[in-house]
Amino acid sequence: ADFFYVPTFVADEFAEAARLLLDHNVFLECSFPKVADMLQQTRNINTTRAILCSRWPWNSPTRGTPEMLKQCNLPVDAVHPFKVRRQGHATWSEAFRWVTTSNEQFVVDDTLPVNATQMSY
């Protein structure tokens, strides 16, 4: 998990559970779901997991590119990574608009360079 919202009424318990896992060098990606499970059991809270558009392994040639977006199944709640610096503002803006408003397949004109790609949805 790269992002986790913790309501203040469970912040102390979250910190205590997270500290336990941190003390044992548990990776963040493993510890956040476990802490959420602990809070669900002890405080009877609900969690919501976002549907993520991403690619693994981290060095995948399509990771963070418009091609990665074309391969995502809709709907998605978040895209990671898709950086403004790498794609250029216009490309990133179109991708953001697609993620937040579209239910259509992502379309890219592959004849243009990545940072000048024209997108539609």
PDB file of N, CA and C in Angstrom:
ATOM      1  N   ALA A   1       0.847  -1.182   0.000  1.00  0.00           N
ATOM      2  CA  ALA A   1       0.000   0.000   0.000  1.00  0.00           C
ATOM      3  C   ALA A   1       0.886   1.236   0.000  1.00  0.00           C
ATOM      4  N   ASP A   2       0.591   2.160  -0.895  1.00  0.00           N
ATOM      5  CA  ASP A   2       1.303   3.432  -0.914  1.00  0.00           C
ATOM      6  C   ASP A   2       0.526   4.509  -0.182  1.00  0.00           C
ATOM      7  N   PHE A   3      -0.716   4.238   0.108  1.00  0.00           N
ATOM      8  CA  PHE A   3      -1.569   5.228   0.745  1.00  0.00           C
ATOM      9  C   PHE A   3      -2.530   4.510   1.668  1.00  0.00           C
ATOM     10  N   PHE A   4      -2.694   5.066   2.855  1.00  0.00           N
ATOM     11  CA  PHE A   4      -3.581   4.457   3.826  1.00  0.00           C
ATOM     12  C   PHE A   4      -4.180   5.565   4.673  1.00  0.00           C
ATOM     13  N   TYR A   5      -5.481   5.714   4.674  1.00  0.00           N
ATOM     14  CA  TYR A   5      -6.164   6.710   5.499  1.00  0.00           C
ATOM     15  C   TYR A   5      -6.526   6.060   6.822  1.00  0.00           C
ATOM     16  N   VAL A   6      -6.119   6.699   7.904  1.00  0.00           N
ATOM     17  CA  VAL A   6      -6.396   6.169   9.240  1.00  0.00           C
ATOM     18  C   VAL A   6      -7.247   7.188   9.994  1.00  0.00           C
ATOM     19  N   PRO A   7      -8.488   6.841  10.330  1.00  0.00           N
ATOM     20  CA  PRO A   7      -9.317   7.757  11.129  1.00  0.00           C
ATOM     21  C   PRO A   7      -8.680   8.000  12.498  1.00  0.00           C
ATOM     22  N   THR A   8      -8.830   9.200  13.011  1.00  0.00           N
ATOM     23  CA  THR A   8      -8.184   9.547  14.281  1.00  0.00           C
ATOM     24  C   THR A   8      -8.636   8.664  15.434  1.00  0.00           C
ATOM     25  N   PHE A   9      -9.872   8.150  15.389  1.00  0.00           N
ATOM     26  CA  PHE A   9     -10.341   7.360  16.533  1.00  0.00           C
ATOM     27  C   PHE A   9      -9.634   6.007  16.661  1.00  0.00           C
ATOM     28  N   VAL A  10      -8.895   5.586  15.619  1.00  0.00           N
ATOM     29  CA  VAL A  10      -8.111   4.352  15.715  1.00  0.00           C
ATOM     30  C   VAL A  10      -6.615   4.600  15.490  1.00  0.00           C
ATOM     31  N   ALA A  11      -6.203   5.868  15.466  1.00  0.00           N
ATOM     32  CA  ALA A  11      -4.809   6.209  15.156  1.00  0.00           C
ATOM     33  C   ALA A  11      -3.824   5.604  16.156  1.00  0.00           C
ATOM     34  N   ASP A  12      -4.140   5.641  17.438  1.00  0.00           N
ATOM     35  CA  ASP A  12      -3.217   5.080  18.445  1.00  0.00           C
ATOM     36  C   ASP A  12      -3.069   3.572  18.271  1.00  0.00           C
ATOM     37  N   GLU A  13      -4.188   2.884  18.051  1.00  0.00           N
ATOM     38  CA  GLU A  13      -4.122   1.432  17.847  1.00  0.00           C
ATOM     39  C   GLU A  13      -3.398   1.082  16.544  1.00  0.00           C
ATOM     40  N   PHE A  14      -3.614   1.901  15.518  1.00  0.00           N
ATOM     41  CA  PHE A  14      -2.905   1.693  14.257  1.00  0.00           C
ATOM     42  C   PHE A  14      -1.394   1.824  14.483  1.00  0.00           C
ATOM     43  N   ALA A  15      -0.996   2.879  15.183  1.00  0.00           N
ATOM     44  CA  ALA A  15       0.426   3.120  15.435  1.00  0.00           C
ATOM     45  C   ALA A  15       1.038   1.984  16.255  1.00  0.00           C
ATOM     46  N   GLU A  16       0.311   1.483  17.239  1.00  0.00           N
ATOM     47  CA  GLU A  16       0.815   0.379  18.074  1.00  0.00           C
ATOM     48  C   GLU A  16       1.019  -0.894  17.236  1.00  0.00           C
ATOM     49  N   ALA A  17       0.042  -1.221  16.412  1.00  0.00           N
ATOM     50  CA  ALA A  17       0.160  -2.416  15.564  1.00  0.00           C
ATOM     51  C   ALA A  17       1.257  -2.231  14.523  1.00  0.00           C
ATOM     52  N   ALA A  18       1.333  -1.044  13.944  1.00  0.00           N
ATOM     53  CA  ALA A  18       2.366  -0.774  12.937  1.00  0.00           C
ATOM     54  C   ALA A  18       3.757  -0.846  13.555  1.00  0.00           C
ATOM     55  N   ARG A  19       3.898  -0.336  14.774  1.00  0.00           N
ATOM     56  CA  ARG A  19       5.199  -0.372  15.459  1.00  0.00           C
ATOM     57  C   ARG A  19       5.650  -1.820  15.686  1.00  0.00           C
ATOM     58  N   LEU A  20       4.732  -2.679  16.072  1.00  0.00           N
ATOM     59  CA  LEU A  20       5.060  -4.090  16.275  1.00  0.00           C
ATOM     60  C   LEU A  20       5.646  -4.703  15.000  1.00  0.00           C
ATOM     61  N   LEU A  21       5.002  -4.447  13.866  1.00  0.00           N
ATOM     62  CA  LEU A  21       5.488  -4.994  12.595  1.00  0.00           C
ATOM     63  C   LEU A  21       6.782  -4.318  12.151  1.00  0.00           C
ATOM     64  N   LEU A  22       6.893  -3.018  12.397  1.00  0.00           N
ATOM     65  CA  LEU A  22       8.124  -2.300  12.070  1.00  0.00           C
ATOM     66  C   LEU A  22       9.303  -2.836  12.874  1.00  0.00           C
ATOM     67  N   ASP A  23       9.070  -3.109  14.133  1.00  0.00           N
ATOM     68  CA  ASP A  23      10.136  -3.650  14.994  1.00  0.00           C
ATOM     69  C   ASP A  23      10.668  -4.984  14.487  1.00  0.00           C
ATOM     70  N   HIS A  24       9.853  -5.687  13.716  1.00  0.00           N
ATOM     71  CA  HIS A  24      10.257  -6.986  13.164  1.00  0.00           C
ATOM     72  C   HIS A  24      10.589  -6.911  11.674  1.00  0.00           C
ATOM     73  N   ASN A  25      10.785  -5.667  11.194  1.00  0.00           N
ATOM     74  CA  ASN A  25      11.205  -5.419   9.805  1.00  0.00           C
ATOM     75  C   ASN A  25      10.269  -6.021   8.756  1.00  0.00           C
ATOM     76  N   VAL A  26       8.963  -5.981   9.017  1.00  0.00           N
ATOM     77  CA  VAL A  26       7.985  -6.465   8.045  1.00  0.00           C
ATOM     78  C   VAL A  26       7.818  -5.382   6.973  1.00  0.00           C
ATOM     79  N   PHE A  27       7.867  -5.779   5.710  1.00  0.00           N
ATOM     80  CA  PHE A  27       7.728  -4.829   4.614  1.00  0.00           C
ATOM     81  C   PHE A  27       6.392  -4.105   4.682  1.00  0.00           C
ATOM     82  N   LEU A  28       6.388  -2.851   4.253  1.00  0.00           N
ATOM     83  CA  LEU A  28       5.194  -2.021   4.246  1.00  0.00           C
ATOM     84  C   LEU A  28       4.040  -2.693   3.510  1.00  0.00           C
ATOM     85  N   GLU A  29       4.320  -3.283   2.346  1.00  0.00           N
ATOM     86  CA  GLU A  29       3.282  -3.902   1.550  1.00  0.00           C
ATOM     87  C   GLU A  29       2.602  -5.063   2.273  1.00  0.00           C
ATOM     88  N   CYS A  30       3.319  -5.684   3.185  1.00  0.00           N
ATOM     89  CA  CYS A  30       2.758  -6.788   3.973  1.00  0.00           C
ATOM     90  C   CYS A  30       2.123  -6.279   5.264  1.00  0.00           C
ATOM     91  N   SER A  31       2.706  -5.238   5.845  1.00  0.00           N
ATOM     92  CA  SER A  31       2.242  -4.798   7.161  1.00  0.00           C
ATOM     93  C   SER A  31       0.920  -4.034   7.113  1.00  0.00           C
ATOM     94  N   PHE A  32       0.702  -3.189   6.110  1.00  0.00           N
ATOM     95  CA  PHE A  32      -0.548  -2.424   6.073  1.00  0.00           C
ATOM     96  C   PHE A  32      -1.779  -3.324   6.038  1.00  0.00           C
ATOM     97  N   PRO A  33      -1.836  -4.321   5.175  1.00  0.00           N
ATOM     98  CA  PRO A  33      -3.024  -5.194   5.215  1.00  0.00           C
ATOM     99  C   PRO A  33      -3.186  -5.905   6.562  1.00  0.00           C
ATOM    100  N   LYS A  34      -2.083  -6.296   7.190  1.00  0.00           N
ATOM    101  CA  LYS A  34      -2.165  -6.973   8.492  1.00  0.00           C
ATOM    102  C   LYS A  34      -2.687  -6.013   9.560  1.00  0.00           C
ATOM    103  N   VAL A  35      -2.206  -4.787   9.564  1.00  0.00           N
ATOM    104  CA  VAL A  35      -2.700  -3.795  10.533  1.00  0.00           C
ATOM    105  C   VAL A  35      -4.197  -3.568  10.306  1.00  0.00           C
ATOM    106  N   ALA A  36      -4.614  -3.470   9.042  1.00  0.00           N
ATOM    107  CA  ALA A  36      -6.039  -3.296   8.750  1.00  0.00           C
ATOM    108  C   ALA A  36      -6.840  -4.484   9.278  1.00  0.00           C
ATOM    109  N   ASP A  37      -6.323  -5.701   9.095  1.00  0.00           N
ATOM    110  CA  ASP A  37      -6.992  -6.896   9.627  1.00  0.00           C
ATOM    111  C   ASP A  37      -7.103  -6.843  11.145  1.00  0.00           C
ATOM    112  N   MET A  38      -6.028  -6.408  11.807  1.00  0.00           N
ATOM    113  CA  MET A  38      -6.051  -6.302  13.275  1.00  0.00           C
ATOM    114  C   MET A  38      -7.130  -5.325  13.729  1.00  0.00           C
ATOM    115  N   LEU A  39      -7.211  -4.172  13.057  1.00  0.00           N
ATOM    116  CA  LEU A  39      -8.211  -3.173  13.432  1.00  0.00           C
ATOM    117  C   LEU A  39      -9.626  -3.656  13.136  1.00  0.00           C
ATOM    118  N   GLN A  40      -9.795  -4.420  12.078  1.00  0.00           N
ATOM    119  CA  GLN A  40     -11.118  -4.974  11.788  1.00  0.00           C
ATOM    120  C   GLN A  40     -11.550  -5.922  12.895  1.00  0.00           C
ATOM    121  N   GLN A  41     -10.613  -6.703  13.404  1.00  0.00           N
ATOM    122  CA  GLN A  41     -10.947  -7.673  14.451  1.00  0.00           C
ATOM    123  C   GLN A  41     -11.161  -7.011  15.806  1.00  0.00           C
ATOM    124  N   THR A  42     -10.345  -6.021  16.144  1.00  0.00           N
ATOM    125  CA  THR A  42     -10.429  -5.431  17.483  1.00  0.00           C
ATOM    126  C   THR A  42     -11.434  -4.295  17.581  1.00  0.00           C
ATOM    127  N   ARG A  43     -11.642  -3.554  16.500  1.00  0.00           N
ATOM    128  CA  ARG A  43     -12.535  -2.392  16.538  1.00  0.00           C
ATOM    129  C   ARG A  43     -13.754  -2.535  15.635  1.00  0.00           C
ATOM    130  N   ASN A  44     -13.850  -3.668  14.932  1.00  0.00           N
ATOM    131  CA  ASN A  44     -14.976  -3.919  14.045  1.00  0.00           C
ATOM    132  C   ASN A  44     -15.159  -2.795  13.018  1.00  0.00           C
ATOM    133  N   ILE A  45     -14.055  -2.356  12.413  1.00  0.00           N
ATOM    134  CA  ILE A  45     -14.138  -1.325  11.380  1.00  0.00           C
ATOM    135  C   ILE A  45     -14.081  -1.983  10.009  1.00  0.00           C
ATOM    136  N   ASN A  46     -14.548  -1.267   9.013  1.00  0.00           N
ATOM    137  CA  ASN A  46     -14.500  -1.742   7.638  1.00  0.00           C
ATOM    138  C   ASN A  46     -13.356  -1.068   6.899  1.00  0.00           C
ATOM    139  N   THR A  47     -12.794  -1.777   5.953  1.00  0.00           N
ATOM    140  CA  THR A  47     -11.783  -1.177   5.090  1.00  0.00           C
ATOM    141  C   THR A  47     -12.242  -1.313   3.645  1.00  0.00           C
ATOM    142  N   THR A  48     -11.767  -0.412   2.825  1.00  0.00           N
ATOM    143  CA  THR A  48     -12.046  -0.450   1.399  1.00  0.00           C
ATOM    144  C   THR A  48     -10.714  -0.461   0.679  1.00  0.00           C
ATOM    145  N   ARG A  49     -10.564  -1.380  -0.234  1.00  0.00           N
ATOM    146  CA  ARG A  49      -9.325  -1.454  -1.003  1.00  0.00           C
ATOM    147  C   ARG A  49      -9.574  -0.914  -2.396  1.00  0.00           C
ATOM    148  N   ALA A  50      -8.665  -0.088  -2.870  1.00  0.00           N
ATOM    149  CA  ALA A  50      -8.779   0.509  -4.189  1.00  0.00           C
ATOM    150  C   ALA A  50      -8.345  -0.495  -5.262  1.00  0.00           C
ATOM    151  N   ILE A  51      -8.995  -0.439  -6.400  1.00  0.00           N
ATOM    152  CA  ILE A  51      -8.596  -1.235  -7.550  1.00  0.00           C
ATOM    153  C   ILE A  51      -7.470  -0.478  -8.240  1.00  0.00           C
ATOM    154  N   LEU A  52      -6.316  -1.100  -8.308  1.00  0.00           N
ATOM    155  CA  LEU A  52      -5.114  -0.434  -8.792  1.00  0.00           C
ATOM    156  C   LEU A  52      -4.769  -0.864 -10.208  1.00  0.00           C
ATOM    157  N   CYS A  53      -4.432   0.099 -11.034  1.00  0.00           N
ATOM    158  CA  CYS A  53      -3.870  -0.153 -12.358  1.00  0.00           C
ATOM    159  C   CYS A  53      -2.366   0.011 -12.231  1.00  0.00           C
ATOM    160  N   SER A  54      -1.629  -1.086 -12.385  1.00  0.00           N
ATOM    161  CA  SER A  54      -0.170  -1.049 -12.277  1.00  0.00           C
ATOM    162  C   SER A  54       0.399  -2.226 -13.051  1.00  0.00           C
ATOM    163  N   ARG A  55       1.698  -2.331 -13.111  1.00  0.00           N
ATOM    164  CA  ARG A  55       2.372  -3.454 -13.748  1.00  0.00           C
ATOM    165  C   ARG A  55       3.558  -3.872 -12.902  1.00  0.00           C
ATOM    166  N   TRP A  56       3.767  -5.200 -12.817  1.00  0.00           N
ATOM    167  CA  TRP A  56       4.924  -5.767 -12.133  1.00  0.00           C
ATOM    168  C   TRP A  56       5.605  -6.732 -13.081  1.00  0.00           C
ATOM    169  N   PRO A  57       6.865  -6.948 -12.977  1.00  0.00           N
ATOM    170  CA  PRO A  57       7.759  -6.425 -11.953  1.00  0.00           C
ATOM    171  C   PRO A  57       8.020  -4.930 -12.146  1.00  0.00           C
ATOM    172  N   TRP A  58       8.687  -4.346 -11.173  1.00  0.00           N
ATOM    173  CA  TRP A  58       8.930  -2.903 -11.180  1.00  0.00           C
ATOM    174  C   TRP A  58       9.667  -2.452 -12.432  1.00  0.00           C
ATOM    175  N   ASN A  59      10.436  -3.327 -13.064  1.00  0.00           N
ATOM    176  CA  ASN A  59      11.190  -2.931 -14.254  1.00  0.00           C
ATOM    177  C   ASN A  59      10.498  -3.354 -15.554  1.00  0.00           C
ATOM    178  N   SER A  60       9.220  -3.652 -15.498  1.00  0.00           N
ATOM    179  CA  SER A  60       8.450  -3.997 -16.691  1.00  0.00           C
ATOM    180  C   SER A  60       8.521  -2.840 -17.686  1.00  0.00           C
ATOM    181  N   PRO A  61       8.707  -3.125 -18.984  1.00  0.00           N
ATOM    182  CA  PRO A  61       8.816  -2.038 -19.957  1.00  0.00           C
ATOM    183  C   PRO A  61       7.541  -1.214 -20.111  1.00  0.00           C
ATOM    184  N   THR A  62       6.384  -1.755 -19.735  1.00  0.00           N
ATOM    185  CA  THR A  62       5.149  -0.986 -19.852  1.00  0.00           C
ATOM    186  C   THR A  62       4.765  -0.264 -18.563  1.00  0.00           C
ATOM    187  N   ARG A  63       5.462  -0.528 -17.476  1.00  0.00           N
ATOM    188  CA  ARG A  63       5.126   0.083 -16.182  1.00  0.00           C
ATOM    189  C   ARG A  63       5.259   1.605 -16.267  1.00  0.00           C
ATOM    190  N   GLY A  64       4.181   2.296 -15.918  1.00  0.00           N
ATOM    191  CA  GLY A  64       4.197   3.754 -15.896  1.00  0.00           C
ATOM    192  C   GLY A  64       4.043   4.407 -17.254  1.00  0.00           C
ATOM    193  N   THR A  65       3.616   3.646 -18.259  1.00  0.00           N
ATOM    194  CA  THR A  65       3.467   4.194 -19.609  1.00  0.00           C
ATOM    195  C   THR A  65       2.004   4.188 -20.026  1.00  0.00           C
ATOM    196  N   PRO A  66       1.675   4.908 -21.119  1.00  0.00           N
ATOM    197  CA  PRO A  66       0.311   4.819 -21.643  1.00  0.00           C
ATOM    198  C   PRO A  66      -0.083   3.383 -21.995  1.00  0.00           C
ATOM    199  N   GLU A  67       0.876   2.569 -22.417  1.00  0.00           N
ATOM    200  CA  GLU A  67       0.585   1.158 -22.730  1.00  0.00           C
ATOM    201  C   GLU A  67       0.047   0.428 -21.492  1.00  0.00           C
ATOM    202  N   MET A  68       0.582   0.733 -20.315  1.00  0.00           N
ATOM    203  CA  MET A  68       0.091   0.132 -19.071  1.00  0.00           C
ATOM    204  C   MET A  68      -1.388   0.469 -18.891  1.00  0.00           C
ATOM    205  N   LEU A  69      -1.759   1.718 -19.178  1.00  0.00           N
ATOM    206  CA  LEU A  69      -3.149   2.134 -19.021  1.00  0.00           C
ATOM    207  C   LEU A  69      -4.058   1.389 -19.987  1.00  0.00           C
ATOM    208  N   LYS A  70      -3.563   1.142 -21.199  1.00  0.00           N
ATOM    209  CA  LYS A  70      -4.365   0.407 -22.177  1.00  0.00           C
ATOM    210  C   LYS A  70      -4.661  -1.010 -21.702  1.00  0.00           C
ATOM    211  N   GLN A  71      -3.772  -1.570 -20.878  1.00  0.00           N
ATOM    212  CA  GLN A  71      -3.927  -2.946 -20.420  1.00  0.00           C
ATOM    213  C   GLN A  71      -4.774  -3.064 -19.151  1.00  0.00           C
ATOM    214  N   CYS A  72      -5.141  -1.952 -18.561  1.00  0.00           N
ATOM    215  CA  CYS A  72      -5.918  -1.990 -17.316  1.00  0.00           C
ATOM    216  C   CYS A  72      -7.361  -2.380 -17.580  1.00  0.00           C
ATOM    217  N   ASN A  73      -7.901  -3.155 -16.675  1.00  0.00           N
ATOM    218  CA  ASN A  73      -9.319  -3.491 -16.727  1.00  0.00           C
ATOM    219  C   ASN A  73     -10.092  -2.448 -15.943  1.00  0.00           C
ATOM    220  N   LEU A  74     -11.163  -1.972 -16.507  1.00  0.00           N
ATOM    221  CA  LEU A  74     -11.981  -0.969 -15.838  1.00  0.00           C
ATOM    222  C   LEU A  74     -13.010  -1.653 -14.960  1.00  0.00           C
ATOM    223  N   PRO A  75     -13.467  -1.024 -13.925  1.00  0.00           N
ATOM    224  CA  PRO A  75     -13.039   0.293 -13.455  1.00  0.00           C
ATOM    225  C   PRO A  75     -11.778   0.196 -12.609  1.00  0.00           C
ATOM    226  N   VAL A  76     -11.070   1.311 -12.471  1.00  0.00           N
ATOM    227  CA  VAL A  76      -9.922   1.402 -11.580  1.00  0.00           C
ATOM    228  C   VAL A  76     -10.124   2.590 -10.654  1.00  0.00           C
ATOM    229  N   ASP A  77      -9.535   2.515  -9.480  1.00  0.00           N
ATOM    230  CA  ASP A  77      -9.609   3.613  -8.518  1.00  0.00           C
ATOM    231  C   ASP A  77      -8.329   4.431  -8.501  1.00  0.00           C
ATOM    232  N   ALA A  78      -7.226   3.815  -8.907  1.00  0.00           N
ATOM    233  CA  ALA A  78      -5.935   4.504  -8.857  1.00  0.00           C
ATOM    234  C   ALA A  78      -5.002   3.914  -9.906  1.00  0.00           C
ATOM    235  N   VAL A  79      -4.065   4.743 -10.350  1.00  0.00           N
ATOM    236  CA  VAL A  79      -3.037   4.330 -11.298  1.00  0.00           C
ATOM    237  C   VAL A  79      -1.689   4.619 -10.648  1.00  0.00           C
ATOM    238  N   HIS A  80      -0.785   3.617 -10.704  1.00  0.00           N
ATOM    239  CA  HIS A  80       0.537   3.816 -10.102  1.00  0.00           C
ATOM    240  C   HIS A  80       1.549   2.926 -10.788  1.00  0.00           C
ATOM    241  N   PRO A  81       2.679   3.376 -11.213  1.00  0.00           N
ATOM    242  CA  PRO A  81       3.060   4.798 -11.265  1.00  0.00           C
ATOM    243  C   PRO A  81       2.684   5.377 -12.624  1.00  0.00           C
ATOM    244  N   PHE A  82       2.365   6.628 -12.664  1.00  0.00           N
ATOM    245  CA  PHE A  82       2.162   7.364 -13.907  1.00  0.00           C
ATOM    246  C   PHE A  82       2.547   8.794 -13.599  1.00  0.00           C
ATOM    247  N   LYS A  83       3.792   9.150 -13.876  1.00  0.00           N
ATOM    248  CA  LYS A  83       4.392  10.397 -13.415  1.00  0.00           C
ATOM    249  C   LYS A  83       4.274  11.524 -14.443  1.00  0.00           C
ATOM    250  N   VAL A  84       3.942  12.720 -13.957  1.00  0.00           N
ATOM    251  CA  VAL A  84       3.879  13.897 -14.803  1.00  0.00           C
ATOM    252  C   VAL A  84       5.238  14.143 -15.456  1.00  0.00           C
ATOM    253  N   ARG A  85       6.295  14.061 -14.683  1.00  0.00           N
ATOM    254  CA  ARG A  85       7.643  14.340 -15.168  1.00  0.00           C
ATOM    255  C   ARG A  85       8.023  13.432 -16.338  1.00  0.00           C
ATOM    256  N   ARG A  86       7.651  12.173 -16.271  1.00  0.00           N
ATOM    257  CA  ARG A  86       8.016  11.219 -17.322  1.00  0.00           C
ATOM    258  C   ARG A  86       7.126  11.353 -18.555  1.00  0.00           C
ATOM    259  N   GLN A  87       5.835  11.607 -18.364  1.00  0.00           N
ATOM    260  CA  GLN A  87       4.884  11.604 -19.474  1.00  0.00           C
ATOM    261  C   GLN A  87       4.675  12.968 -20.107  1.00  0.00           C
ATOM    262  N   GLY A  88       4.975  14.024 -19.384  1.00  0.00           N
ATOM    263  CA  GLY A  88       4.626  15.362 -19.849  1.00  0.00           C
ATOM    264  C   GLY A  88       3.244  15.728 -19.336  1.00  0.00           C
ATOM    265  N   HIS A  89       3.012  17.002 -19.160  1.00  0.00           N
ATOM    266  CA  HIS A  89       1.775  17.461 -18.545  1.00  0.00           C
ATOM    267  C   HIS A  89       0.534  17.096 -19.356  1.00  0.00           C
ATOM    268  N   ALA A  90       0.566  17.276 -20.675  1.00  0.00           N
ATOM    269  CA  ALA A  90      -0.623  17.000 -21.485  1.00  0.00           C
ATOM    270  C   ALA A  90      -1.013  15.522 -21.414  1.00  0.00           C
ATOM    271  N   THR A  91      -0.044  14.639 -21.540  1.00  0.00           N
ATOM    272  CA  THR A  91      -0.322  13.207 -21.478  1.00  0.00           C
ATOM    273  C   THR A  91      -0.832  12.818 -20.099  1.00  0.00           C
ATOM    274  N   TRP A  92      -0.179  13.309 -19.055  1.00  0.00           N
ATOM    275  CA  TRP A  92      -0.604  12.993 -17.703  1.00  0.00           C
ATOM    276  C   TRP A  92      -2.016  13.511 -17.445  1.00  0.00           C
ATOM    277  N   SER A  93      -2.310  14.719 -17.904  1.00  0.00           N
ATOM    278  CA  SER A  93      -3.643  15.302 -17.703  1.00  0.00           C
ATOM    279  C   SER A  93      -4.722  14.464 -18.370  1.00  0.00           C
ATOM    280  N   GLU A  94      -4.469  14.008 -19.597  1.00  0.00           N
ATOM    281  CA  GLU A  94      -5.440  13.156 -20.281  1.00  0.00           C
ATOM    282  C   GLU A  94      -5.623  11.837 -19.544  1.00  0.00           C
ATOM    283  N   ALA A  95      -4.524  11.263 -19.050  1.00  0.00           N
ATOM    284  CA  ALA A  95      -4.623  10.019 -18.286  1.00  0.00           C
ATOM    285  C   ALA A  95      -5.421  10.236 -17.012  1.00  0.00           C
ATOM    286  N   PHE A  96      -5.192  11.344 -16.326  1.00  0.00           N
ATOM    287  CA  PHE A  96      -5.936  11.649 -15.095  1.00  0.00           C
ATOM    288  C   PHE A  96      -7.428  11.788 -15.408  1.00  0.00           C
ATOM    289  N   ARG A  97      -7.732  12.503 -16.480  1.00  0.00           N
ATOM    290  CA  ARG A  97      -9.128  12.678 -16.868  1.00  0.00           C
ATOM    291  C   ARG A  97      -9.767  11.318 -17.179  1.00  0.00           C
ATOM    292  N   TRP A  98      -9.018  10.450 -17.856  1.00  0.00           N
ATOM    293  CA  TRP A  98      -9.535   9.115 -18.171  1.00  0.00           C
ATOM    294  C   TRP A  98      -9.816   8.310 -16.904  1.00  0.00           C
ATOM    295  N   VAL A  99      -8.861   8.306 -15.975  1.00  0.00           N
ATOM    296  CA  VAL A  99      -9.014   7.525 -14.746  1.00  0.00           C
ATOM    297  C   VAL A  99     -10.199   8.015 -13.930  1.00  0.00           C
ATOM    298  N   THR A 100     -10.399   9.324 -13.877  1.00  0.00           N
ATOM    299  CA  THR A 100     -11.426   9.866 -12.992  1.00  0.00           C
ATOM    300  C   THR A 100     -12.808   9.962 -13.613  1.00  0.00           C
ATOM    301  N   THR A 101     -12.921   9.862 -14.946  1.00  0.00           N
ATOM    302  CA  THR A 101     -14.238  10.088 -15.541  1.00  0.00           C
ATOM    303  C   THR A 101     -14.694   9.039 -16.547  1.00  0.00           C
ATOM    304  N   SER A 102     -13.820   8.182 -17.008  1.00  0.00           N
ATOM    305  CA  SER A 102     -14.181   7.317 -18.125  1.00  0.00           C
ATOM    306  C   SER A 102     -14.525   5.897 -17.704  1.00  0.00           C
ATOM    307  N   ASN A 103     -15.373   5.264 -18.513  1.00  0.00           N
ATOM    308  CA  ASN A 103     -15.600   3.834 -18.366  1.00  0.00           C
ATOM    309  C   ASN A 103     -15.295   3.137 -19.690  1.00  0.00           C
ATOM    310  N   GLU A 104     -14.547   3.809 -20.548  1.00  0.00           N
ATOM    311  CA  GLU A 104     -14.136   3.290 -21.849  1.00  0.00           C
ATOM    312  C   GLU A 104     -12.690   2.821 -21.789  1.00  0.00           C
ATOM    313  N   GLN A 105     -12.306   1.958 -22.720  1.00  0.00           N
ATOM    314  CA  GLN A 105     -10.922   1.507 -22.828  1.00  0.00           C
ATOM    315  C   GLN A 105     -10.014   2.694 -23.145  1.00  0.00           C
ATOM    316  N   PHE A 106      -8.851   2.722 -22.550  1.00  0.00           N
ATOM    317  CA  PHE A 106      -7.876   3.786 -22.798  1.00  0.00           C
ATOM    318  C   PHE A 106      -7.312   3.630 -24.205  1.00  0.00           C
ATOM    319  N   VAL A 107      -7.244   4.727 -24.974  1.00  0.00           N
ATOM    320  CA  VAL A 107      -6.779   4.695 -26.360  1.00  0.00           C
ATOM    321  C   VAL A 107      -5.577   5.610 -26.501  1.00  0.00           C
ATOM    322  N   VAL A 108      -4.541   5.116 -27.175  1.00  0.00           N
ATOM    323  CA  VAL A 108      -3.316   5.880 -27.379  1.00  0.00           C
ATOM    324  C   VAL A 108      -2.937   5.844 -28.847  1.00  0.00           C
ATOM    325  N   ASP A 109      -2.495   6.977 -29.385  1.00  0.00           N
ATOM    326  CA  ASP A 109      -1.933   7.020 -30.729  1.00  0.00           C
ATOM    327  C   ASP A 109      -0.460   6.653 -30.611  1.00  0.00           C
ATOM    328  N   ASP A 110      -0.116   5.397 -30.930  1.00  0.00           N
ATOM    329  CA  ASP A 110       1.238   4.878 -30.727  1.00  0.00           C
ATOM    330  C   ASP A 110       2.266   5.437 -31.694  1.00  0.00           C
ATOM    331  N   THR A 111       1.864   6.250 -32.663  1.00  0.00           N
ATOM    332  CA  THR A 111       2.829   6.775 -33.617  1.00  0.00           C
ATOM    333  C   THR A 111       3.572   7.981 -33.069  1.00  0.00           C
ATOM    334  N   LEU A 112       3.121   8.553 -31.970  1.00  0.00           N
ATOM    335  CA  LEU A 112       3.755   9.734 -31.392  1.00  0.00           C
ATOM    336  C   LEU A 112       4.665   9.346 -30.238  1.00  0.00           C
ATOM    337  N   PRO A 113       5.668  10.183 -29.931  1.00  0.00           N
ATOM    338  CA  PRO A 113       6.501   9.905 -28.761  1.00  0.00           C
ATOM    339  C   PRO A 113       5.643   9.899 -27.495  1.00  0.00           C
ATOM    340  N   VAL A 114       6.087   9.176 -26.478  1.00  0.00           N
ATOM    341  CA  VAL A 114       5.298   9.033 -25.251  1.00  0.00           C
ATOM    342  C   VAL A 114       4.891  10.375 -24.677  1.00  0.00           C
ATOM    343  N   ASN A 115       5.798  11.340 -24.600  1.00  0.00           N
ATOM    344  CA  ASN A 115       5.457  12.602 -23.958  1.00  0.00           C
ATOM    345  C   ASN A 115       4.605  13.511 -24.842  1.00  0.00           C
ATOM    346  N   ALA A 116       4.340  13.081 -26.085  1.00  0.00           N
ATOM    347  CA  ALA A 116       3.466  13.862 -26.968  1.00  0.00           C
ATOM    348  C   ALA A 116       2.258  13.043 -27.415  1.00  0.00           C
ATOM    349  N   THR A 117       2.047  11.912 -26.797  1.00  0.00           N
ATOM    350  CA  THR A 117       0.974  11.005 -27.203  1.00  0.00           C
ATOM    351  C   THR A 117      -0.388  11.689 -27.094  1.00  0.00           C
ATOM    352  N   GLN A 118      -1.190  11.509 -28.119  1.00  0.00           N
ATOM    353  CA  GLN A 118      -2.554  12.027 -28.116  1.00  0.00           C
ATOM    354  C   GLN A 118      -3.454  10.903 -27.608  1.00  0.00           C
ATOM    355  N   MET A 119      -4.252  11.187 -26.607  1.00  0.00           N
ATOM    356  CA  MET A 119      -5.096  10.167 -26.011  1.00  0.00           C
ATOM    357  C   MET A 119      -6.560  10.553 -26.119  1.00  0.00           C
ATOM    358  N   SER A 120      -7.391   9.565 -26.136  1.00  0.00           N
ATOM    359  CA  SER A 120      -8.816   9.820 -26.068  1.00  0.00           C
ATOM    360  C   SER A 120      -9.470   8.695 -25.279  1.00  0.00           C
ATOM    361  N   TYR A 121     -10.690   8.928 -24.876  1.00  0.00           N
ATOM    362  CA  TYR A 121     -11.435   7.918 -24.139  1.00  0.00           C
ATOM    363  C   TYR A 121     -12.877   7.997 -24.523  1.00  0.00           C
TER     364      TYR A 121
END
